[in-house]
Amino acid sequence: MTDVTPPDLSKPLLIDPAQDNPPAPTTELGPLQHLIGTWTNQPLGNSGMGGTDKPFSYCLMPLPQEASYILKNFAYYEELTFSAIHGTAPNRGGLGTQVANTLFYEQRVYFADGPAKDQLVHAENGSLLFLSDQKQLLGPYGNGEKPGLGTETVPNSVPPTQAYNFIKQMSVPHGNSILASGHFQSGTGVPTIPMLSKSDVLPMGLPHDVSTDQYSTKSVGNLNPDFTLNPNQPLTNALEVSPPKKFILLEVDTAHSGIPVTNIGFEQQHANVSRYAISYWLESLDGTDNFTQLQYSQNITMEIPIQGQSVTFPHITTNTLVKKV
């Protein structure tokens, strides 16, 4: 196999067309406004680590293999761009309107180690929504039937209420479409990244004669068994060399709204995604609203049939990114 050319990460993946009026919203996006821009793996502090050659990342990826499974675990680096659109997406409900303030995103992920170093391993796109509740405008443009734009509302209009105000919509070219909902909270100091245990990473429902030994054994498919048993460890390691002074935690989960993941037929048969959840830690190193560090821990639950049994496998990815200047 010929050598792989590393990708050019100098340009953003997504650029919204320029438009002066209306401007792209910022404050209406709530905490999502701090994500706008491009994020990549960059060296943290004076550690010499965190860049594309030594990222604070890990991917735990189980794969079907004959009548069993194999692991394909690795460190990775990525480019992730968020872009605000020049408008909103109002959902009218008669007496009230739910407004979706939107970020589009594009993501490209590359192997950082192993025999396929620098090859593209994952790509996806989608949107993040920050929902706000408003009264419903009167008529098509807020002026009833009068000309021009206005701010008049329907009589007795009442803003709707909702359990979750943070939504992630995503499309993955394996043939998966995901819609997850959640919320956000703010904190000071260094966030606490949960330590994952064997019960969080090992498969559930394996036939008695199928072992989990490969999770703790170093191999070409499991380059770092310590990270395999706690994929969140690279996040904790990153915080030791680049500790923030405040953070925003954003979390979504398909289980919150009971909306199933949609998978194409082949995936339904061989690696059906049944649940999706992710936690983002948006972090400020100087204690201001200058959030320049982004960490996440993502868990995709897959159902893989082994010897006629449906076995539940966690597919976990974690990374620490820095906003490009």
Protein backbone atom coordinates (compact mmCIF):
# COMPACT_ATOMS: atom_id res chain seq x y z
CA MET A 1 0.00 0.00 0.00
CA THR A 2 1.31 3.48 -0.87
CA ASP A 3 1.97 6.06 1.80
CA VAL A 4 -1.02 8.13 2.90
CA THR A 5 -0.86 11.91 2.46
CA PRO A 6 -1.93 13.70 5.67
CA PRO A 7 -5.00 15.93 5.18
CA ASP A 8 -4.73 19.71 4.86
CA LEU A 9 -6.44 21.05 7.99
CA SER A 10 -5.69 24.72 7.26
CA LYS A 11 -9.18 25.54 5.94
CA PRO A 12 -12.62 25.18 7.56
CA LEU A 13 -14.84 22.36 6.34
CA LEU A 14 -17.93 24.57 6.22
CA ILE A 15 -18.31 28.21 5.19
CA ASP A 16 -21.71 29.87 5.26
CA PRO A 17 -22.42 32.35 2.45
CA ALA A 18 -21.71 35.95 3.47
CA GLN A 19 -24.78 38.08 4.14
CA ASP A 20 -24.81 41.41 5.98
CA ASN A 21 -28.54 41.61 6.69
CA PRO A 22 -29.83 39.68 8.49
CA PRO A 23 -26.57 38.81 10.26
CA ALA A 24 -25.88 35.30 11.44
CA PRO A 25 -27.31 35.04 14.98
CA THR A 26 -24.97 34.66 17.92
CA THR A 27 -26.60 35.43 21.27
CA GLU A 28 -29.80 33.64 20.19
CA LEU A 29 -27.73 30.46 20.05
CA GLY A 30 -27.22 30.43 23.81
CA PRO A 31 -24.16 28.34 24.74
CA LEU A 32 -23.81 27.11 21.15
CA GLN A 33 -22.46 30.51 20.10
CA HIS A 34 -19.10 29.57 21.62
CA LEU A 35 -18.76 26.62 19.21
CA ILE A 36 -18.72 28.73 16.04
CA GLY A 37 -15.44 28.17 14.20
CA THR A 38 -13.11 25.28 13.45
CA TRP A 39 -11.66 22.91 16.04
CA THR A 40 -8.64 20.62 15.56
CA ASN A 41 -6.14 18.63 17.58
CA GLN A 42 -3.38 21.02 18.69
CA PRO A 43 -0.56 20.82 21.28
CA LEU A 44 -1.77 21.69 24.78
CA GLY A 45 0.35 24.02 26.90
CA ASN A 46 4.01 23.01 26.95
CA SER A 47 3.26 19.29 26.99
CA GLY A 48 4.16 18.64 23.35
CA MET A 49 1.03 16.48 23.24
CA GLY A 50 -2.45 17.04 21.87
CA GLY A 51 -1.56 17.56 18.21
CA THR A 52 -2.21 15.22 15.29
CA ASP A 53 0.78 13.02 16.18
CA LYS A 54 -0.02 12.65 19.90
CA PRO A 55 -3.71 13.52 20.38
CA PHE A 56 -5.64 13.17 23.63
CA SER A 57 -8.18 10.89 21.97
CA TYR A 58 -9.31 7.30 21.76
CA CYS A 59 -11.78 5.22 19.77
CA LEU A 60 -13.18 1.92 21.06
CA MET A 61 -14.69 0.28 17.98
CA PRO A 62 -16.04 -3.32 17.97
CA LEU A 63 -16.71 -4.95 14.59
CA PRO A 64 -18.58 -8.11 13.55
CA GLN A 65 -16.20 -10.91 12.52
CA GLU A 66 -17.48 -14.29 11.32
CA ALA A 67 -19.34 -15.82 14.30
CA SER A 68 -17.76 -13.44 16.80
CA TYR A 69 -16.30 -9.93 16.92
CA ILE A 70 -12.98 -8.09 16.73
CA LEU A 71 -11.72 -4.73 18.01
CA LYS A 72 -10.34 -1.90 15.92
CA ASN A 73 -9.25 0.62 18.57
CA PHE A 74 -7.00 3.61 17.89
CA ALA A 75 -6.09 7.21 18.62
CA TYR A 76 -7.38 9.75 16.09
CA TYR A 77 -7.32 13.40 15.14
CA GLU A 78 -10.05 15.42 13.50
CA GLU A 79 -11.32 18.67 12.03
CA LEU A 80 -14.71 19.92 13.23
CA THR A 81 -16.34 23.11 11.91
CA PHE A 82 -19.49 24.81 13.27
CA SER A 83 -21.21 27.53 11.25
CA ALA A 84 -24.21 29.72 12.12
CA ILE A 85 -26.89 30.18 9.48
CA HIS A 86 -28.43 33.58 8.66
CA GLY A 87 -31.79 32.92 10.19
CA THR A 88 -33.83 30.62 12.42
CA ALA A 89 -36.21 27.70 11.92
CA PRO A 90 -39.49 28.55 13.70
CA ASN A 91 -41.90 25.70 14.41
CA ARG A 92 -45.37 27.25 14.63
CA GLY A 93 -47.89 25.56 16.88
CA GLY A 94 -50.97 27.77 16.59
CA LEU A 95 -50.70 29.80 19.80
CA GLY A 96 -46.96 29.52 20.32
CA THR A 97 -43.72 29.11 18.37
CA GLN A 98 -40.70 26.98 19.11
CA VAL A 99 -37.67 28.57 17.48
CA ALA A 100 -34.70 26.43 16.49
CA ASN A 101 -31.53 28.54 16.51
CA THR A 102 -29.17 26.50 14.41
CA LEU A 103 -25.52 25.61 13.89
CA PHE A 104 -24.49 23.41 10.97
CA TYR A 105 -21.41 21.25 11.43
CA GLU A 106 -19.01 19.11 9.39
CA GLN A 107 -16.60 16.56 10.86
CA ARG A 108 -13.68 14.57 9.42
CA VAL A 109 -11.75 12.02 11.51
CA TYR A 110 -8.36 10.44 10.69
CA PHE A 111 -6.26 7.63 12.17
CA ALA A 112 -3.44 9.02 14.32
CA ASP A 113 -1.64 5.70 14.71
CA GLY A 114 -1.59 2.13 13.44
CA PRO A 115 -1.08 0.81 9.90
CA ALA A 116 -3.72 3.14 8.40
CA LYS A 117 -2.28 6.36 9.93
CA ASP A 118 -3.66 9.57 8.29
CA GLN A 119 -6.43 7.75 6.43
CA LEU A 120 -9.97 9.07 6.77
CA VAL A 121 -11.85 6.80 9.18
CA HIS A 122 -15.08 8.74 9.79
CA ALA A 123 -17.10 11.62 8.37
CA GLU A 124 -20.45 13.11 9.33
CA ASN A 125 -22.49 16.26 9.17
CA GLY A 126 -25.55 17.62 10.88
CA SER A 127 -26.83 20.44 13.03
CA LEU A 128 -27.07 21.55 16.63
CA LEU A 129 -30.24 23.33 17.74
CA PHE A 130 -30.80 25.65 20.68
CA LEU A 131 -34.57 25.87 21.18
CA SER A 132 -36.31 28.98 22.48
CA ASP A 133 -40.00 29.56 23.24
CA GLN A 134 -41.88 32.52 21.80
CA LYS A 135 -45.37 33.79 21.14
CA GLN A 136 -46.65 33.19 17.62
CA LEU A 137 -46.48 36.04 15.12
CA LEU A 138 -49.74 37.34 13.71
CA GLY A 139 -50.09 36.41 10.06
CA PRO A 140 -47.28 35.30 7.74
CA TYR A 141 -44.86 38.10 8.68
CA GLY A 142 -46.00 39.51 12.04
CA ASN A 143 -48.23 42.26 10.66
CA GLY A 144 -51.43 40.32 10.10
CA GLU A 145 -52.37 41.10 6.53
CA LYS A 146 -50.57 44.46 6.47
CA PRO A 147 -47.50 44.96 4.26
CA GLY A 148 -43.95 44.64 5.54
CA LEU A 149 -42.51 42.92 8.60
CA GLY A 150 -43.87 43.29 12.13
CA THR A 151 -43.82 41.95 15.67
CA GLU A 152 -47.55 41.61 16.35
CA THR A 153 -48.54 38.30 17.94
CA VAL A 154 -51.64 36.12 17.88
CA PRO A 155 -54.18 37.12 20.58
CA ASN A 156 -53.84 34.90 23.67
CA SER A 157 -50.55 33.58 22.29
CA VAL A 158 -48.54 31.57 24.85
CA PRO A 159 -44.90 30.47 24.46
CA PRO A 160 -44.69 26.64 24.51
CA THR A 161 -42.79 24.67 27.13
CA GLN A 162 -40.36 21.81 26.50
CA ALA A 163 -38.30 19.35 28.50
CA TYR A 164 -35.09 19.79 26.49
CA ASN A 165 -33.63 22.81 24.73
CA PHE A 166 -30.52 21.28 23.11
CA ILE A 167 -30.93 19.05 20.03
CA LYS A 168 -28.38 17.24 17.88
CA GLN A 169 -29.31 16.03 14.40
CA MET A 170 -26.68 13.98 12.59
CA SER A 171 -26.19 11.97 9.43
CA VAL A 172 -23.51 9.28 9.27
CA PRO A 173 -22.60 7.72 5.89
CA HIS A 174 -22.87 4.20 7.26
CA GLY A 175 -26.58 4.72 6.72
CA ASN A 176 -27.51 6.05 10.17
CA SER A 177 -29.69 9.06 11.01
CA ILE A 178 -29.78 10.24 14.63
CA LEU A 179 -31.90 12.77 16.55
CA ALA A 180 -30.96 13.27 20.21
CA SER A 181 -32.15 15.78 22.81
CA GLY A 182 -30.75 17.14 26.04
CA HIS A 183 -29.72 20.22 28.01
CA PHE A 184 -26.72 22.19 29.23
CA GLN A 185 -25.28 23.44 32.51
CA SER A 186 -22.41 25.72 33.50
CA GLY A 187 -19.65 25.11 36.01
CA THR A 188 -16.44 26.59 37.38
CA GLY A 189 -13.02 25.02 37.68
CA VAL A 190 -12.00 21.76 36.07
CA PRO A 191 -14.91 19.53 35.04
CA THR A 192 -15.15 16.03 36.44
CA ILE A 193 -14.86 13.54 33.59
CA PRO A 194 -16.52 10.27 34.65
CA MET A 195 -14.19 7.30 34.82
CA LEU A 196 -15.57 4.42 32.77
CA SER A 197 -15.50 0.87 34.13
CA LYS A 198 -15.67 -2.56 32.55
CA SER A 199 -19.46 -2.52 32.77
CA ASP A 200 -19.43 0.63 30.61
CA VAL A 201 -17.19 -0.74 27.85
CA LEU A 202 -17.54 -4.53 27.70
CA PRO A 203 -20.29 -6.15 25.59
CA MET A 204 -23.47 -7.41 27.23
CA GLY A 205 -25.13 -10.71 26.29
CA LEU A 206 -22.13 -12.56 24.87
CA PRO A 207 -22.49 -16.34 24.41
CA HIS A 208 -20.68 -18.15 27.22
CA ASP A 209 -17.96 -19.46 24.89
CA VAL A 210 -17.04 -16.01 23.48
CA SER A 211 -14.34 -14.23 25.50
CA THR A 212 -13.72 -10.55 26.22
CA ASP A 213 -9.97 -11.15 26.63
CA GLN A 214 -9.13 -9.08 23.56
CA TYR A 215 -10.28 -5.94 25.43
CA SER A 216 -7.35 -6.30 27.85
CA THR A 217 -4.77 -7.76 25.44
CA LYS A 218 -2.52 -5.53 23.32
CA SER A 219 -2.81 -6.27 19.61
CA VAL A 220 -2.96 -4.54 16.22
CA GLY A 221 -6.66 -3.98 16.89
CA ASN A 222 -6.16 -2.89 20.50
CA LEU A 223 -3.10 -0.67 20.68
CA ASN A 224 -3.76 0.69 24.18
CA PRO A 225 -5.68 -1.71 26.48
CA ASP A 226 -5.63 0.80 29.35
CA PHE A 227 -7.57 3.31 27.26
CA THR A 228 -9.85 0.54 26.02
CA LEU A 229 -11.01 -0.14 29.56
CA ASN A 230 -11.47 3.60 30.22
CA PRO A 231 -11.78 5.57 26.95
CA ASN A 232 -12.35 8.76 28.98
CA GLN A 233 -8.79 8.58 30.37
CA PRO A 234 -7.30 10.70 27.53
CA LEU A 235 -9.74 13.48 28.47
CA THR A 236 -8.56 13.41 32.08
CA ASN A 237 -4.93 13.37 30.92
CA ALA A 238 -5.56 16.46 28.80
CA LEU A 239 -7.07 18.35 31.74
CA GLU A 240 -3.91 17.74 33.76
CA VAL A 241 -1.82 19.72 31.25
CA SER A 242 -4.52 22.21 30.20
CA PRO A 243 -6.94 22.80 33.11
CA PRO A 244 -9.86 25.18 32.43
CA LYS A 245 -11.26 27.70 34.89
CA LYS A 246 -14.87 27.32 33.80
CA PHE A 247 -16.88 25.15 31.45
CA ILE A 248 -20.25 24.48 29.85
CA LEU A 249 -21.48 20.88 29.76
CA LEU A 250 -23.84 20.02 26.90
CA GLU A 251 -25.42 16.56 26.81
CA VAL A 252 -27.83 14.81 24.47
CA ASP A 253 -29.22 11.28 24.40
CA THR A 254 -31.69 9.55 22.08
CA ALA A 255 -33.19 7.94 25.20
CA HIS A 256 -34.45 11.33 26.43
CA SER A 257 -37.12 11.60 23.77
CA GLY A 258 -37.51 7.92 22.93
CA ILE A 259 -36.74 8.54 19.25
CA PRO A 260 -35.01 5.47 17.77
CA VAL A 261 -31.93 5.69 15.56
CA THR A 262 -32.72 5.00 11.91
CA ASN A 263 -30.42 2.49 10.18
CA ILE A 264 -30.30 1.05 6.67
CA GLY A 265 -31.15 -2.63 6.23
CA PHE A 266 -27.58 -3.99 6.23
CA GLU A 267 -26.78 -2.17 9.46
CA GLN A 268 -30.01 -3.41 11.03
CA GLN A 269 -28.84 -6.98 10.37
CA HIS A 270 -25.17 -6.72 11.34
CA ALA A 271 -24.47 -3.68 13.57
CA ASN A 272 -27.75 -2.01 14.42
CA VAL A 273 -27.31 1.29 16.27
CA SER A 274 -29.91 1.35 19.05
CA ARG A 275 -28.85 4.40 21.09
CA TYR A 276 -26.68 7.49 20.82
CA ALA A 277 -25.39 9.78 23.60
CA ILE A 278 -22.69 12.45 23.81
CA SER A 279 -21.34 14.85 26.42
CA TYR A 280 -19.47 18.00 25.34
CA TRP A 281 -17.32 20.04 27.73
CA LEU A 282 -16.80 23.52 26.29
CA GLU A 283 -13.94 25.00 28.32
CA SER A 284 -12.43 28.40 29.07
CA LEU A 285 -8.77 28.45 30.14
CA ASP A 286 -8.77 32.07 31.38
CA GLY A 287 -12.13 32.17 33.17
CA THR A 288 -13.75 34.52 30.64
CA ASP A 289 -16.27 33.69 27.93
CA ASN A 290 -13.37 32.87 25.62
CA PHE A 291 -14.05 29.13 25.28
CA THR A 292 -11.13 27.67 23.33
CA GLN A 293 -10.99 24.01 24.42
CA LEU A 294 -13.57 21.38 23.55
CA GLN A 295 -13.76 17.84 24.92
CA TYR A 296 -16.34 15.16 24.25
CA SER A 297 -17.21 11.60 25.13
CA GLN A 298 -19.57 9.88 22.69
CA ASN A 299 -21.21 6.48 23.09
CA ILE A 300 -22.90 4.72 20.19
CA THR A 301 -24.65 1.51 21.27
CA MET A 302 -24.58 -1.24 18.63
CA GLU A 303 -26.42 -4.54 18.55
CA ILE A 304 -24.27 -7.21 16.86
CA PRO A 305 -25.63 -10.74 16.37
CA ILE A 306 -23.27 -13.48 17.56
CA GLN A 307 -24.31 -17.15 17.33
CA GLY A 308 -27.96 -16.17 17.06
CA GLN A 309 -27.85 -13.82 20.07
CA SER A 310 -28.09 -10.03 19.95
CA VAL A 311 -25.05 -8.67 21.82
CA THR A 312 -24.86 -5.04 22.97
CA PHE A 313 -21.52 -3.34 22.24
CA PRO A 314 -20.55 0.21 23.32
CA HIS A 315 -18.67 2.10 20.59
CA ILE A 316 -17.00 4.99 22.46
CA THR A 317 -15.00 7.93 21.08
CA THR A 318 -13.31 10.72 23.05
CA ASN A 319 -11.21 13.69 22.00
CA THR A 320 -9.80 17.03 23.15
CA LEU A 321 -9.84 19.83 20.56
CA VAL A 322 -8.65 23.45 20.40
CA LYS A 323 -10.35 26.28 18.48
CA LYS A 324 -8.30 27.54 15.56
CA VAL A 325 -7.37 31.23 15.65
